[in-house]
Protein backbone atom coordinates (compact mmCIF):
# COMPACT_ATOMS: atom_id res chain seq x y z
CA MET A 1 152.05 -45.15 -144.36
CA SER A 2 148.26 -46.46 -144.41
CA LYS A 3 146.01 -45.59 -141.94
CA GLN A 4 146.25 -49.32 -140.78
CA GLU A 5 149.63 -49.18 -140.60
CA ILE A 6 149.88 -45.93 -138.64
CA LEU A 7 147.43 -47.61 -136.22
CA ALA A 8 149.85 -50.74 -135.97
CA GLU A 9 152.33 -48.54 -134.17
CA VAL A 10 149.89 -46.44 -132.14
CA ASP A 11 149.74 -46.75 -128.43
CA PHE A 12 148.20 -44.26 -125.88
CA GLY A 13 150.09 -45.79 -122.86
CA GLN A 14 148.59 -47.84 -119.68
CA ARG A 15 145.67 -46.63 -117.93
CA ILE A 16 147.35 -47.44 -114.56
CA ALA A 17 150.44 -45.23 -113.59
CA GLU A 18 152.03 -48.24 -111.96
CA GLU A 19 152.77 -49.93 -115.67
CA GLU A 20 153.81 -46.97 -117.57
CA GLY A 21 157.30 -47.51 -116.66
CA ASP A 22 159.72 -44.86 -118.05
CA ASN A 23 157.20 -43.63 -120.41
CA LEU A 24 155.12 -41.70 -117.90
CA ALA A 25 157.42 -38.67 -117.53
CA SER A 26 157.49 -38.01 -121.21
CA TYR A 27 153.52 -37.16 -121.46
CA PHE A 28 152.80 -36.46 -118.03
CA VAL A 29 150.67 -33.04 -117.78
CA GLU A 30 152.96 -30.83 -115.46
CA THR A 31 150.08 -29.03 -113.75
CA ASP A 32 150.14 -26.25 -111.19
CA ASN A 33 149.18 -29.03 -108.65
CA TRP A 34 152.25 -31.02 -109.62
CA ARG A 35 154.78 -28.00 -109.11
CA ARG A 36 153.16 -27.43 -105.54
CA VAL A 37 153.83 -31.14 -104.70
CA PHE A 38 157.40 -31.28 -106.35
CA GLY A 39 158.13 -27.91 -104.59
CA GLY A 40 157.17 -29.40 -101.13
CA ASP A 41 154.24 -27.12 -100.54
CA ILE A 42 151.66 -29.73 -100.61
CA ASP A 43 151.46 -32.78 -98.08
CA VAL A 44 148.01 -34.45 -98.92
CA ILE A 45 147.18 -35.07 -102.62
CA TYR A 46 143.11 -35.89 -102.80
CA GLY A 47 141.50 -37.15 -105.82
CA PRO A 48 139.07 -39.76 -107.33
CA LYS A 49 140.06 -43.02 -108.17
CA GLY A 50 142.03 -42.81 -111.84
CA SER A 51 142.63 -39.04 -111.66
CA GLY A 52 146.44 -39.76 -111.29
CA LYS A 53 147.59 -39.75 -107.61
CA SER A 54 149.61 -42.62 -108.42
CA ALA A 55 151.17 -40.96 -111.47
CA LEU A 56 152.30 -38.05 -109.44
CA TYR A 57 153.53 -40.70 -106.74
CA SER A 58 155.19 -42.47 -109.54
CA LEU A 59 156.93 -39.05 -110.96
CA LEU A 60 158.08 -38.21 -107.55
CA VAL A 61 159.99 -41.10 -107.12
CA ALA A 62 161.46 -40.98 -110.72
CA ARG A 63 162.95 -37.42 -109.75
CA ALA A 64 164.24 -38.54 -106.62
CA GLY A 65 167.82 -37.72 -108.01
CA GLN A 66 166.48 -34.03 -108.46
CA LEU A 67 165.07 -34.09 -105.01
CA LEU A 68 167.97 -34.87 -103.47
CA ASP A 69 169.86 -32.39 -105.19
CA ARG A 70 167.48 -30.40 -103.09
CA GLN A 71 168.47 -32.32 -100.31
CA VAL A 72 165.28 -34.01 -100.30
CA VAL A 73 165.20 -37.84 -99.64
CA LEU A 74 162.19 -39.81 -100.39
CA VAL A 75 161.38 -42.80 -98.52
CA PRO A 76 158.47 -45.34 -99.55
CA GLY A 77 156.42 -46.25 -96.80
CA GLU A 78 153.99 -48.41 -98.56
CA ASN A 79 154.96 -50.73 -101.55
CA PRO A 80 153.90 -49.03 -105.10
CA ARG A 81 153.60 -52.63 -106.49
CA GLY A 82 152.63 -56.26 -105.06
CA THR A 83 151.34 -57.03 -101.74
CA PRO A 84 150.75 -53.64 -99.68
CA ALA A 85 153.09 -53.28 -96.56
CA PHE A 86 150.09 -53.35 -94.32
CA ARG A 87 147.74 -55.96 -95.26
CA ASP A 88 148.87 -58.74 -92.55
CA LEU A 89 147.02 -56.39 -90.21
CA MET A 90 144.05 -57.92 -91.48
CA THR A 91 144.30 -60.93 -89.60
CA ASP A 92 144.93 -59.30 -86.46
CA PRO A 93 144.55 -55.38 -86.46
CA PRO A 94 144.96 -52.96 -83.91
CA VAL A 95 142.24 -52.91 -81.48
CA SER A 96 141.94 -49.01 -81.38
CA GLU A 97 142.94 -45.96 -83.14
CA ARG A 98 145.33 -45.05 -80.51
CA GLU A 99 147.32 -48.15 -81.23
CA PHE A 100 147.44 -47.32 -84.83
CA VAL A 101 149.11 -43.85 -83.68
CA ASN A 102 151.62 -45.84 -81.65
CA LEU A 103 152.25 -48.44 -84.87
CA TRP A 104 152.46 -45.57 -87.29
CA LYS A 105 154.65 -43.18 -85.04
CA LEU A 106 157.19 -46.02 -84.56
CA TYR A 107 157.07 -47.24 -87.94
CA PHE A 108 158.09 -43.72 -89.13
CA LEU A 109 161.08 -43.49 -86.73
CA SER A 110 162.57 -46.88 -88.17
CA LEU A 111 162.10 -45.55 -91.75
CA LEU A 112 164.00 -42.44 -90.90
CA VAL A 113 166.85 -44.19 -89.15
CA ALA A 114 167.14 -46.37 -92.01
CA ALA A 115 167.15 -43.41 -94.25
CA PHE A 116 170.22 -42.15 -92.03
CA ASP A 117 172.08 -45.54 -92.96
CA GLU A 118 171.44 -45.32 -96.60
CA TYR A 119 172.21 -41.53 -96.99
CA GLY A 120 175.23 -41.65 -94.51
CA ILE A 121 173.53 -39.01 -92.26
CA GLU A 122 175.93 -39.11 -89.33
CA GLY A 123 176.24 -37.60 -85.70
CA ASP A 124 175.71 -38.37 -81.95
CA GLU A 125 172.14 -38.34 -82.17
CA ALA A 126 171.84 -40.55 -85.12
CA THR A 127 174.03 -43.21 -83.42
CA ARG A 128 172.12 -42.91 -80.14
CA LEU A 129 168.74 -43.63 -82.33
CA ARG A 130 170.10 -46.74 -84.45
CA GLY A 131 171.15 -48.16 -80.67
CA ILE A 132 167.72 -47.50 -79.13
CA LEU A 133 166.15 -49.19 -82.22
CA ALA A 134 168.52 -52.02 -82.24
CA LYS A 135 168.29 -52.86 -78.76
CA ASP A 136 164.32 -53.46 -79.56
CA GLY A 137 164.78 -55.13 -82.69
CA LEU A 138 163.50 -52.47 -84.51
CA VAL A 139 166.21 -51.76 -87.20
CA LYS A 140 164.72 -52.05 -90.76
CA GLY A 141 168.00 -53.36 -92.31
CA LYS A 142 166.99 -55.66 -95.09
CA ARG A 143 163.65 -56.38 -93.91
CA THR A 144 160.86 -55.40 -96.53
CA LEU A 145 158.33 -52.95 -95.41
CA GLN A 146 155.81 -55.56 -94.80
CA ALA A 147 158.19 -57.65 -92.49
CA LEU A 148 158.83 -53.92 -90.79
CA VAL A 149 155.32 -53.38 -90.32
CA HIS A 150 154.87 -56.92 -88.67
CA VAL A 151 157.96 -56.18 -86.18
CA VAL A 152 156.72 -52.98 -85.65
CA PHE A 153 153.31 -54.12 -84.46
CA ASP A 154 154.32 -56.91 -82.24
CA TYR A 155 156.45 -54.20 -80.32
CA VAL A 156 153.30 -52.10 -80.49
CA LYS A 157 151.19 -54.96 -79.17
CA GLY A 158 153.68 -55.63 -76.19
CA TRP A 159 153.41 -52.37 -74.84
CA ALA A 160 149.90 -51.77 -75.15
CA ARG A 161 148.53 -55.40 -74.62
CA PRO A 162 150.71 -56.91 -71.76
CA LYS A 163 148.06 -59.46 -70.67
CA GLU A 164 149.02 -61.10 -74.05
CA LEU A 165 152.58 -61.38 -72.74
CA GLU A 166 151.79 -62.52 -69.04
CA GLY A 167 148.55 -63.62 -67.75
CA ASN A 168 148.98 -61.70 -64.30
CA VAL A 169 150.23 -57.81 -65.31
CA LYS A 170 152.68 -56.74 -62.83
CA LEU A 171 154.23 -53.27 -62.74
CA ASP A 172 157.52 -52.52 -62.16
CA PRO A 173 157.72 -50.42 -58.79
CA HIS A 174 160.50 -48.11 -60.50
CA THR A 175 159.27 -47.83 -64.34
CA GLN A 176 155.82 -48.19 -63.58
CA LEU A 177 155.63 -50.07 -66.85
CA PRO A 178 154.42 -53.61 -67.16
CA ILE A 179 157.07 -56.49 -65.92
CA GLY A 180 156.41 -58.16 -69.44
CA PHE A 181 157.47 -55.60 -71.57
CA GLY A 182 161.17 -55.43 -71.71
CA GLY A 183 161.30 -52.56 -74.37
CA LYS A 184 162.84 -48.98 -74.02
CA ILE A 185 160.73 -47.05 -76.15
CA VAL A 186 157.26 -46.32 -74.94
CA PHE A 187 154.16 -43.91 -76.30
CA SER A 188 153.29 -41.96 -73.15
CA GLU A 189 155.22 -39.60 -71.02
CA PRO A 190 157.68 -41.94 -68.54
CA SER A 191 158.28 -41.28 -65.10
CA ALA A 192 161.49 -39.81 -63.97
CA ASN A 193 162.40 -43.42 -62.73
CA ALA A 194 161.54 -44.75 -66.13
CA ARG A 195 163.75 -42.16 -67.94
CA ALA A 196 166.59 -42.93 -65.58
CA GLN A 197 166.50 -46.56 -66.49
CA GLY A 198 166.72 -45.60 -70.20
CA VAL A 199 162.90 -45.45 -71.11
CA GLU A 200 162.45 -43.08 -74.19
CA PRO A 201 159.18 -41.60 -75.47
CA ILE A 202 158.23 -42.11 -79.14
CA ASP A 203 157.62 -38.53 -79.56
CA ALA A 204 160.77 -37.41 -78.31
CA LEU A 205 162.72 -39.71 -80.52
CA LEU A 206 161.03 -38.25 -83.52
CA ALA A 207 161.95 -34.87 -82.45
CA GLU A 208 165.59 -36.11 -82.19
CA ALA A 209 165.33 -37.60 -85.52
CA ASN A 210 164.32 -34.24 -87.08
CA GLU A 211 167.15 -32.70 -85.10
CA VAL A 212 169.42 -35.19 -86.79
CA LEU A 213 168.60 -34.07 -90.19
CA ARG A 214 168.63 -30.16 -89.36
CA LYS A 215 171.85 -30.22 -87.51
CA TYR A 216 174.09 -32.38 -89.40
CA SER A 217 173.01 -32.17 -92.90
CA ASN A 218 170.15 -30.15 -93.28
CA TYR A 219 168.43 -33.05 -95.47
CA SER A 220 164.39 -33.34 -95.40
CA VAL A 221 162.95 -36.78 -95.40
CA TRP A 222 159.39 -37.19 -97.29
CA ILE A 223 157.75 -40.56 -96.31
CA LEU A 224 155.27 -41.47 -99.19
CA LEU A 225 152.10 -43.44 -98.63
CA ASP A 226 150.23 -44.55 -101.55
CA ARG A 227 147.97 -47.42 -102.32
CA LEU A 228 146.29 -47.09 -98.90
CA ASP A 229 142.94 -47.96 -100.30
CA VAL A 230 144.34 -51.34 -101.44
CA ALA A 231 145.84 -51.81 -97.95
CA PHE A 232 142.62 -51.84 -95.80
CA THR A 233 140.25 -52.27 -98.20
CA GLU A 234 138.66 -55.29 -96.77
CA ASN A 235 137.77 -53.60 -93.49
CA SER A 236 136.30 -50.32 -93.63
CA ASP A 237 136.50 -49.88 -89.76
CA LEU A 238 140.11 -50.70 -89.66
CA GLU A 239 140.63 -48.25 -92.54
CA LYS A 240 138.63 -45.64 -90.41
CA ASN A 241 140.92 -46.20 -87.56
CA ALA A 242 144.27 -46.56 -89.53
CA LEU A 243 143.84 -43.18 -91.36
CA ARG A 244 142.60 -41.29 -88.83
CA ALA A 245 145.30 -42.33 -86.72
CA LEU A 246 147.80 -41.32 -89.53
CA PHE A 247 146.38 -37.87 -90.16
CA ARG A 248 146.75 -37.21 -86.08
CA VAL A 249 150.18 -38.62 -86.50
CA CYS A 250 150.97 -36.25 -89.47
CA LEU A 251 149.56 -33.30 -87.39
CA ASP A 252 152.12 -34.17 -84.34
CA ILE A 253 154.76 -34.10 -86.79
CA PHE A 254 153.96 -31.06 -88.85
CA GLY A 255 156.25 -29.01 -86.42
CA PHE A 256 159.28 -31.11 -87.34
CA GLY A 257 160.50 -28.92 -90.20
CA ASN A 258 162.52 -31.85 -91.76
CA ILE A 259 160.35 -34.69 -91.67
CA LYS A 260 156.92 -34.65 -93.96
CA ILE A 261 154.56 -37.39 -94.62
CA LYS A 262 153.29 -37.20 -98.00
CA ILE A 263 149.66 -39.11 -98.41
CA PHE A 264 148.01 -39.80 -101.73
CA LEU A 265 144.42 -40.69 -100.80
CA ARG A 266 141.05 -41.23 -102.72
CA THR A 267 138.20 -38.24 -102.01
CA ASP A 268 135.79 -40.97 -101.35
CA ILE A 269 137.90 -42.55 -98.80
CA TRP A 270 138.71 -39.07 -97.06
CA ASN A 271 134.93 -38.58 -97.03
CA ARG A 272 134.00 -41.70 -95.74
CA ILE A 273 136.38 -41.28 -92.72
CA THR A 274 135.39 -38.12 -91.98
CA ASN A 275 131.39 -38.31 -92.30
CA GLU A 276 131.06 -38.90 -88.53
CA GLY A 277 133.11 -35.93 -87.53
CA PHE A 278 137.18 -35.33 -87.62
CA ARG A 279 137.96 -32.33 -85.57
CA GLU A 280 141.62 -32.51 -87.03
CA ALA A 281 140.52 -31.90 -90.61
CA SER A 282 139.96 -28.57 -90.32
CA HIS A 283 143.88 -28.23 -89.39
CA ILE A 284 145.14 -29.99 -92.32
CA THR A 285 146.14 -27.03 -94.83
CA ARG A 286 148.63 -28.19 -96.89
CA HIS A 287 146.44 -30.03 -99.24
CA VAL A 288 145.35 -30.38 -103.03
CA THR A 289 142.43 -32.17 -104.80
CA ILE A 290 143.11 -33.26 -108.44
CA ALA A 291 140.77 -32.26 -110.98
CA TRP A 292 140.89 -32.57 -114.56
CA ASN A 293 138.93 -30.14 -117.15
CA ARG A 294 138.67 -29.85 -120.63
CA ALA A 295 141.90 -28.54 -121.52
CA SER A 296 143.98 -30.36 -119.15
CA LEU A 297 142.17 -33.94 -121.03
CA LEU A 298 142.87 -32.40 -124.05
CA ASN A 299 146.69 -31.80 -123.24
CA LEU A 300 146.57 -35.20 -122.05
CA ILE A 301 145.28 -36.96 -125.23
CA VAL A 302 147.72 -34.98 -127.36
CA LYS A 303 150.88 -35.42 -125.21
CA ARG A 304 150.06 -39.27 -125.63
CA ALA A 305 149.60 -39.30 -129.18
CA LEU A 306 152.76 -37.11 -129.90
CA HIS A 307 154.57 -39.83 -128.10
CA ASN A 308 153.99 -42.16 -130.94
CA ALA A 309 156.85 -41.84 -133.72
CA ALA A 310 154.33 -42.93 -136.76
CA LEU A 311 151.93 -40.12 -135.42
CA VAL A 312 154.66 -37.46 -135.55
CA LYS A 313 156.02 -38.59 -138.82
CA ASN A 314 152.79 -39.20 -140.72
CA PHE A 315 151.06 -35.64 -139.53
CA ASP A 316 154.28 -33.80 -139.88
CA VAL A 317 154.35 -32.14 -136.87
CA LYS A 318 156.70 -30.88 -134.21
CA TYR A 319 156.22 -31.66 -130.22
CA THR A 320 156.85 -28.48 -129.24
CA ASP A 321 154.96 -26.63 -131.77
CA VAL A 322 151.89 -28.57 -130.76
CA ILE A 323 152.40 -28.59 -127.03
CA GLU A 324 153.08 -24.98 -126.75
CA SER A 325 149.72 -23.56 -127.94
CA ALA A 326 146.45 -24.80 -126.87
CA ILE A 327 145.00 -23.61 -130.38
CA ALA A 328 147.37 -26.08 -131.75
CA GLN A 329 146.72 -28.90 -129.51
CA ASP A 330 143.05 -28.67 -130.61
CA HIS A 331 143.95 -28.58 -134.29
CA PHE A 332 145.87 -31.58 -134.33
CA PHE A 333 143.34 -33.28 -132.23
CA TYR A 334 140.90 -33.04 -135.12
CA ARG A 335 143.62 -34.13 -137.38
CA LEU A 336 143.40 -37.23 -135.74
CA PHE A 337 139.88 -37.67 -134.95
CA PRO A 338 136.56 -36.66 -136.78
CA THR A 339 134.60 -33.41 -135.99
CA GLN A 340 131.85 -34.99 -134.28
CA VAL A 341 130.71 -38.68 -133.55
CA ASP A 342 127.02 -37.85 -134.30
CA GLY A 343 126.51 -35.15 -136.94
CA GLY A 344 124.27 -32.21 -136.51
CA PRO A 345 124.42 -28.40 -135.43
CA ASN A 346 123.15 -29.41 -131.97
CA LYS A 347 125.46 -32.53 -131.89
CA PRO A 348 128.57 -32.18 -129.09
CA THR A 349 132.45 -32.05 -130.68
CA THR A 350 133.89 -35.39 -130.67
CA LEU A 351 136.09 -34.21 -127.60
CA ASP A 352 133.19 -33.53 -125.73
CA TRP A 353 131.47 -36.41 -126.62
CA MET A 354 134.51 -38.29 -125.31
CA LEU A 355 134.64 -36.62 -122.06
CA SER A 356 130.74 -36.87 -121.59
CA ARG A 357 131.23 -41.12 -121.95
CA THR A 358 133.87 -41.33 -119.80
CA ARG A 359 132.46 -39.13 -116.82
CA ASP A 360 130.93 -40.71 -113.84
CA GLY A 361 127.74 -39.43 -111.93
CA SER A 362 129.95 -37.54 -109.79
CA GLN A 363 130.66 -34.98 -113.07
CA ASN A 364 134.51 -36.58 -112.55
CA ASN A 365 136.54 -37.36 -115.64
CA ALA A 366 139.29 -39.79 -114.51
CA PRO A 367 142.38 -39.88 -117.19
CA ARG A 368 142.14 -43.77 -116.40
CA GLU A 369 138.80 -44.27 -118.24
CA LEU A 370 139.86 -41.69 -121.05
CA ILE A 371 142.93 -43.27 -121.74
CA HIS A 372 141.30 -46.87 -121.63
CA PHE A 373 138.61 -45.28 -124.30
CA LEU A 374 141.65 -44.11 -126.54
CA ASN A 375 143.16 -47.94 -126.66
CA SER A 376 139.62 -49.44 -127.37
CA LEU A 377 138.95 -46.99 -129.93
CA ARG A 378 142.12 -47.91 -131.62
CA SER A 379 141.55 -51.75 -131.47
CA GLN A 380 138.23 -51.25 -132.65
CA GLN A 381 139.32 -49.25 -135.67
CA MET A 382 142.27 -51.77 -136.26
CA ARG A 383 139.70 -54.63 -136.42
CA ARG A 384 137.66 -52.72 -139.19
CA LEU A 385 140.56 -52.22 -141.40
CA GLU A 386 141.68 -55.74 -141.14
CA LEU A 387 138.59 -56.89 -142.25
CA GLY A 388 138.90 -54.96 -145.32
CA GLU A 389 136.91 -52.15 -144.55
CA ALA A 390 137.45 -48.60 -145.91
CA GLU A 391 139.51 -46.33 -144.57
CA PRO A 392 138.06 -43.26 -142.51
CA GLU A 393 137.66 -40.32 -144.75
CA GLY A 394 140.38 -37.34 -144.87
CA GLU A 395 143.09 -37.18 -142.44
CA ALA A 396 141.31 -38.83 -139.61
CA LEU A 397 142.50 -42.30 -138.15
CA PHE A 398 139.11 -43.14 -136.67
CA ALA A 399 135.60 -43.54 -138.23
CA ARG A 400 132.51 -41.90 -136.38
CA SER A 401 131.05 -44.94 -136.35
CA VAL A 402 133.49 -46.66 -134.23
CA PHE A 403 133.15 -44.58 -131.17
CA LYS A 404 130.44 -46.48 -130.08
CA GLU A 405 131.63 -49.82 -130.59
CA ALA A 406 134.74 -48.75 -128.23
CA LEU A 407 132.44 -47.63 -125.18
CA PRO A 408 131.24 -51.13 -123.98
CA GLU A 409 134.77 -52.43 -123.27
CA VAL A 410 135.31 -49.25 -120.93
CA SER A 411 131.91 -49.81 -119.36
CA GLU A 412 132.52 -53.21 -118.16
CA VAL A 413 135.56 -52.92 -116.80
CA ARG A 414 134.58 -49.54 -114.96
CA LEU A 415 131.53 -51.24 -113.54
CA THR A 416 132.95 -54.56 -112.55
CA GLN A 417 136.56 -53.74 -111.78
CA THR A 418 135.78 -50.70 -109.86
CA LEU A 419 132.10 -50.22 -108.49
CA TYR A 420 131.27 -54.01 -107.92
CA ALA A 421 134.91 -54.67 -106.49
CA GLU A 422 134.87 -51.89 -104.11
CA TYR A 423 131.31 -51.84 -103.25
CA PRO A 424 130.05 -55.43 -103.45
CA GLU A 425 127.33 -54.46 -100.57
CA LEU A 426 125.81 -52.33 -103.53
CA ARG A 427 126.29 -54.55 -106.33
CA GLY A 428 122.87 -56.26 -106.07
CA ALA A 429 121.12 -52.85 -106.35
CA MET A 430 122.85 -52.08 -109.68
CA GLU A 431 122.26 -55.42 -111.07
CA LYS A 432 118.50 -54.92 -110.49
CA LEU A 433 118.79 -51.77 -112.88
CA ARG A 434 119.98 -53.89 -115.60
CA GLY A 435 118.11 -53.36 -118.82
CA GLY A 436 116.07 -50.72 -117.37
CA ARG A 437 115.73 -47.29 -118.24
CA THR A 438 118.39 -44.73 -117.44
CA SER A 439 116.31 -42.11 -115.67
CA GLN A 440 114.50 -42.83 -112.19
CA LYS A 441 112.54 -41.54 -109.49
CA THR A 442 112.67 -42.74 -105.96
CA ASP A 443 109.10 -44.34 -106.50
CA THR A 444 110.15 -46.31 -109.72
CA LEU A 445 113.34 -47.33 -107.83
CA ALA A 446 111.13 -48.55 -104.90
CA LYS A 447 109.42 -50.74 -107.25
CA VAL A 448 112.68 -52.32 -108.81
CA TRP A 449 114.24 -52.79 -105.75
CA ASN A 450 110.94 -54.12 -103.66
CA MET A 451 111.46 -51.63 -101.13
CA SER A 452 109.75 -48.54 -99.38
CA GLN A 453 110.39 -45.27 -101.04
CA GLY A 454 112.36 -44.02 -97.80
CA HIS A 455 114.90 -47.16 -97.97
CA ALA A 456 115.01 -46.62 -101.74
CA TYR A 457 115.67 -42.71 -101.18
CA GLU A 458 118.31 -43.74 -99.00
CA LEU A 459 120.03 -46.44 -101.35
CA ALA A 460 119.92 -44.17 -104.36
CA ASN A 461 121.81 -41.21 -102.64
CA ASN A 462 124.50 -44.07 -101.66
CA LEU A 463 124.73 -44.78 -105.21
CA ALA A 464 125.12 -41.25 -106.10
CA ASP A 465 127.67 -40.87 -103.54
CA ILE A 466 130.28 -43.39 -105.44
CA GLY A 467 129.11 -41.99 -108.83
CA PHE A 468 126.88 -44.34 -110.13
CA PHE A 469 123.85 -41.93 -110.27
CA GLU A 470 123.67 -38.34 -111.33
CA LYS A 471 121.42 -36.58 -109.15
CA ARG A 472 119.53 -34.14 -110.75
CA GLY A 473 116.20 -31.90 -109.97
CA ALA A 474 114.71 -30.65 -107.04
CA ARG A 475 116.13 -31.75 -103.48
CA ASP A 476 112.91 -32.95 -102.15
CA ASP A 477 112.02 -34.66 -105.61
CA PRO A 478 115.32 -35.54 -107.46
CA GLU A 479 115.94 -37.36 -110.50
CA TYR A 480 118.50 -40.36 -110.49
CA TRP A 481 120.31 -40.54 -113.95
CA VAL A 482 122.68 -43.41 -115.16
CA PRO A 483 125.83 -41.74 -116.78
CA PHE A 484 126.77 -43.10 -119.91
CA LEU A 485 130.08 -44.80 -118.74
CA TYR A 486 127.73 -47.28 -116.97
CA ARG A 487 124.80 -47.98 -119.53
CA ASP A 488 126.36 -50.39 -121.90
CA ALA A 489 127.59 -52.48 -118.95
CA LEU A 490 124.19 -52.84 -117.82
CA ASP A 491 122.34 -52.91 -121.23
CA MET A 492 120.20 -49.89 -119.95
CA VAL A 493 117.85 -47.76 -122.32
CA GLN A 494 117.60 -44.13 -122.73
CA GLY A 495 114.72 -42.48 -121.03
CA THR A 496 112.65 -42.04 -118.02
CA ALA A 497 111.44 -45.06 -116.12
CA GLU A 498 107.35 -45.21 -115.44
């Protein structure tokens, strides 16, 4: 096959895990972090955007059958695709963190009872829980997650905001509950009279659900929560209340051995919700942060390359022979790619060049940008061959000169679809650097942004926090360096600003 024919059949996969489908499992990098998550030792998975959190989530779902063999039931608590289940809360959000705590607990109880029905988990307590939820219209049934959130929140509001039900709130003399509230599930400890009339506290019901799992089936239920960054992205206060409440609920549930909440959350969001102090954070110990290094990223590239039959056949290699040896992976990589992009004894190898160009200012390499770069590289090389240019030298499928042509697309997408989309309030500051130098100081930034050095220092640090700047040099006189990842999109020029 010619190199053009080979490249025509090559695909390095989708950069977003939700779009990978069945292919994800075949080239997923099974790290120690993954094994700990799959083994049940980890409840919270942190990672930068594009680091692979959703890939872990998707692979867990793909292996639901294996987990069921271990008597572990997976229950999605958020939609992996489409409209987030919690999106409707934007129009009428919970008014406090406490209200969110109640929402999470009742939502989880409804999901647990739905799992009892789906997996045939029976028992007197299970029947009783179904009946309690049914009386208050909280059985999930055929409802979507979005519809269930709506029903649960209406119930929570009825308990917490009785004035919305009746103008003049009166308390029942026996139960001490608002007369306008007719539900039997409450979110505080009820009086003896209230209990006698069938009022049930939510914490006791969750404990009973855990007892059902332990006593009658010895099943465990893992409730999975991903895409929380999308669910509350338009309101930072709502996001903070929702997530702080979620972690508080997780700590309340932690003592229940058969109920686990598995949270997949971006590190920048976690930092944002804890920067004002969050005492409970120190008690969240079953967590891991996804991090990629040179070896794991090489493994990712090689696995995705070996997923292409045309490459395996043309280079006459066996998947297992390559994957089982780090040396073999390195050798195979440099059969596909040239040794260097820029020639010279002090220039980086091609792999190091690729990693440096797809790394943000926080020194994070996310698989998303690397995969995007590989597919852009393939497209640029194909375009050249289709125009009749000579094939790359030797075995390599890619010419050295094509690498720099592949980067602008990655740079533009990362800048506009990540930074601009998620931090619109900082877009103007980044745009004002367009066409400027890549190395800035506080005084040069103050001139660019037309503000005092004090305000420029604060703004520059905000941009460093989101990875737009890499902060270098002395603490009292820092240099703000724009990584290669954003330079092409902003037409920036290498050098120090005067």
